[in-house]
């Protein structure tokens, strides 16, 4: 995985394509998760929050980018059925743990850096027409960044 925003998003999009049960991939700012009405998703959904990126000089040789983000696994539920809610809490937790297991697997294959480091898997519930519940996990993935100075980009604008 190259450490560009499109590659980062595509990595998670591909996880949904490859997983047996995840149905829809969505990405965007965290506020979009809890804002507004939405319907038309096929559940369960993997929602990737737009990441930030911290940069460091790793070993003094190449810039290293650490992308901080979160993913949320959501499922719609019957708002007045505790039996359905309990089943969806359990199934979305299992899916979130499967996503984490894939992140760890890909780390071992040297696709990126990733550590659990005491992260919290948080329960979430949204107030939308879909009455979603699920789990959210904050994480960071890192890899080298193609940060190269190009003098031609700094020669000024030509009339």
Protein backbone atom coordinates (compact mmCIF):
# COMPACT_ATOMS: atom_id res chain seq x y z
CA UNK A 1 0.00 0.00 0.00
CA UNK A 2 1.40 3.40 -0.95
CA UNK A 3 0.85 6.01 1.72
CA UNK A 4 -1.47 8.26 -0.27
CA UNK A 5 -5.02 9.11 0.71
CA UNK A 6 -6.55 7.28 -2.29
CA UNK A 7 -4.51 4.14 -1.51
CA UNK A 8 -5.48 4.30 2.17
CA UNK A 9 -9.18 4.53 1.28
CA UNK A 10 -8.87 1.80 -1.37
CA UNK A 11 -7.24 -0.55 1.16
CA UNK A 12 -10.35 -0.39 3.35
CA UNK A 13 -12.69 -0.52 0.36
CA UNK A 14 -10.95 -3.75 -0.67
CA UNK A 15 -11.44 -5.21 2.82
CA UNK A 16 -15.20 -4.90 2.32
CA UNK A 17 -14.97 -6.50 -1.13
CA UNK A 18 -13.02 -9.45 0.26
CA UNK A 19 -15.02 -10.01 3.48
CA UNK A 20 -17.84 -12.55 3.47
CA UNK A 21 -20.36 -10.43 5.41
CA UNK A 22 -19.48 -6.73 5.09
CA UNK A 23 -21.71 -5.23 2.40
CA UNK A 24 -21.07 -1.50 2.01
CA UNK A 25 -18.01 0.74 2.29
CA UNK A 26 -18.39 4.43 3.10
CA UNK A 27 -15.77 7.02 3.99
CA UNK A 28 -15.96 10.55 5.23
CA UNK A 29 -15.63 12.87 8.20
CA UNK A 30 -16.70 11.57 11.59
CA UNK A 31 -19.55 14.07 11.77
CA UNK A 32 -21.20 12.45 8.76
CA UNK A 33 -21.66 9.25 10.72
CA UNK A 34 -23.99 10.82 13.25
CA UNK A 35 -25.49 13.53 11.05
CA UNK A 36 -28.55 13.34 8.92
CA UNK A 37 -30.86 10.81 7.47
CA UNK A 38 -29.53 8.04 5.33
CA UNK A 39 -31.05 4.94 3.95
CA UNK A 40 -30.24 2.76 1.05
CA UNK A 41 -27.12 1.23 2.58
CA UNK A 42 -26.90 -2.53 2.49
CA UNK A 43 -25.85 -3.54 6.00
CA UNK A 44 -23.47 -4.24 7.63
CA UNK A 45 -21.46 -1.15 6.69
CA UNK A 46 -17.77 -0.41 7.20
CA UNK A 47 -17.37 3.36 7.63
CA UNK A 48 -13.85 4.78 7.41
CA UNK A 49 -13.31 8.20 8.95
CA UNK A 50 -11.14 10.59 6.94
CA UNK A 51 -7.61 10.30 8.36
CA UNK A 52 -5.06 12.83 9.47
CA UNK A 53 -1.35 12.19 8.87
CA UNK A 54 1.63 12.84 11.09
CA UNK A 55 5.04 13.00 9.43
CA UNK A 56 8.45 12.08 10.83
CA UNK A 57 11.93 11.58 9.41
CA UNK A 58 12.43 7.86 9.90
CA UNK A 59 16.09 6.89 10.22
CA UNK A 60 16.98 10.25 8.66
CA UNK A 61 16.55 8.73 5.21
CA UNK A 62 12.89 8.86 4.23
CA UNK A 63 9.78 10.59 5.52
CA UNK A 64 7.37 8.31 7.36
CA UNK A 65 3.64 9.06 7.46
CA UNK A 66 1.43 7.79 10.26
CA UNK A 67 -2.26 8.06 9.31
CA UNK A 68 -4.64 8.34 12.27
CA UNK A 69 -8.24 7.37 11.62
CA UNK A 70 -11.11 5.24 12.88
CA UNK A 71 -13.40 2.68 11.37
CA UNK A 72 -16.97 1.98 12.39
CA UNK A 73 -18.92 -1.20 11.70
CA UNK A 74 -22.65 -0.39 11.65
CA UNK A 75 -25.84 -2.39 11.27
CA UNK A 76 -29.44 -1.23 11.18
CA UNK A 77 -31.68 -2.56 13.91
CA UNK A 78 -35.27 -2.57 14.99
CA UNK A 79 -35.40 0.26 17.51
CA UNK A 80 -37.98 -1.39 19.73
CA UNK A 81 -36.56 -4.93 19.70
CA UNK A 82 -33.93 -5.62 22.33
CA UNK A 83 -33.50 -9.13 20.95
CA UNK A 84 -32.59 -7.70 17.52
CA UNK A 85 -30.36 -5.04 19.09
CA UNK A 86 -28.47 -7.63 21.14
CA UNK A 87 -27.93 -9.76 18.04
CA UNK A 88 -26.64 -6.76 16.06
CA UNK A 89 -24.33 -5.65 18.91
CA UNK A 90 -22.82 -9.15 18.89
CA UNK A 91 -22.52 -9.46 15.11
CA UNK A 92 -20.99 -5.99 14.60
CA UNK A 93 -18.51 -6.57 17.41
CA UNK A 94 -17.44 -9.82 15.74
CA UNK A 95 -17.05 -7.99 12.41
CA UNK A 96 -14.98 -5.21 14.00
CA UNK A 97 -12.69 -7.81 15.56
CA UNK A 98 -12.35 -9.50 12.16
CA UNK A 99 -11.30 -6.17 10.60
CA UNK A 100 -8.71 -5.76 13.36
CA UNK A 101 -7.44 -9.30 12.73
CA UNK A 102 -6.99 -8.42 9.04
CA UNK A 103 -5.05 -5.24 9.92
CA UNK A 104 -2.75 -7.34 12.10
CA UNK A 105 -2.40 -9.97 9.37
CA UNK A 106 -1.44 -7.37 6.78
CA UNK A 107 1.06 -5.85 9.22
CA UNK A 108 2.80 -9.22 9.44
CA UNK A 109 2.89 -9.29 5.64
CA UNK A 110 4.65 -5.88 5.87
CA UNK A 111 1.93 -3.93 4.09
CA UNK A 112 1.95 -1.23 6.81
CA UNK A 113 2.69 -0.63 10.49
CA UNK A 114 -0.16 -1.24 12.92
CA UNK A 115 -0.40 -1.89 16.66
CA UNK A 116 -3.40 -2.41 18.93
CA UNK A 117 -1.63 -0.54 21.78
CA UNK A 118 -4.61 -0.47 24.11
CA UNK A 119 -7.10 0.98 21.64
CA UNK A 120 -10.73 0.94 22.73
CA UNK A 121 -13.49 -0.72 20.73
CA UNK A 122 -16.36 1.67 21.50
CA UNK A 123 -20.07 0.99 21.17
CA UNK A 124 -21.90 3.52 18.97
CA UNK A 125 -25.55 4.14 18.23
CA UNK A 126 -26.81 6.66 15.68
CA UNK A 127 -30.09 8.50 15.54
CA UNK A 128 -30.93 8.08 11.87
CA UNK A 129 -33.86 6.53 10.04
CA UNK A 130 -31.79 3.36 9.86
CA UNK A 131 -31.39 3.19 13.67
CA UNK A 132 -27.80 1.96 13.45
CA UNK A 133 -25.68 0.39 16.14
CA UNK A 134 -22.15 -0.92 16.01
CA UNK A 135 -18.56 -0.46 17.08
CA UNK A 136 -15.84 2.14 16.45
CA UNK A 137 -12.07 1.72 16.69
CA UNK A 138 -9.39 4.43 16.44
CA UNK A 139 -6.12 3.30 14.91
CA UNK A 140 -3.07 4.41 12.98
CA UNK A 141 -1.38 2.88 9.96
CA UNK A 142 2.04 3.96 8.81
CA UNK A 143 4.26 3.70 5.79
CA UNK A 144 6.89 5.73 3.99
CA UNK A 145 5.74 8.84 2.12
CA UNK A 146 6.91 9.95 -1.31
CA UNK A 147 7.97 13.43 -0.20
CA UNK A 148 10.27 14.78 -2.92
CA UNK A 149 11.25 18.35 -3.61
CA UNK A 150 10.58 19.38 -7.22
CA UNK A 151 12.24 22.70 -8.10
CA UNK A 152 10.05 23.12 -11.18
CA UNK A 153 7.02 23.47 -8.90
CA UNK A 154 8.62 26.55 -7.29
CA UNK A 155 9.67 28.57 -10.31
CA UNK A 156 6.73 30.95 -10.12
CA UNK A 157 3.74 31.43 -12.32
CA UNK A 158 4.27 32.25 -15.98
CA UNK A 159 2.16 34.89 -17.72
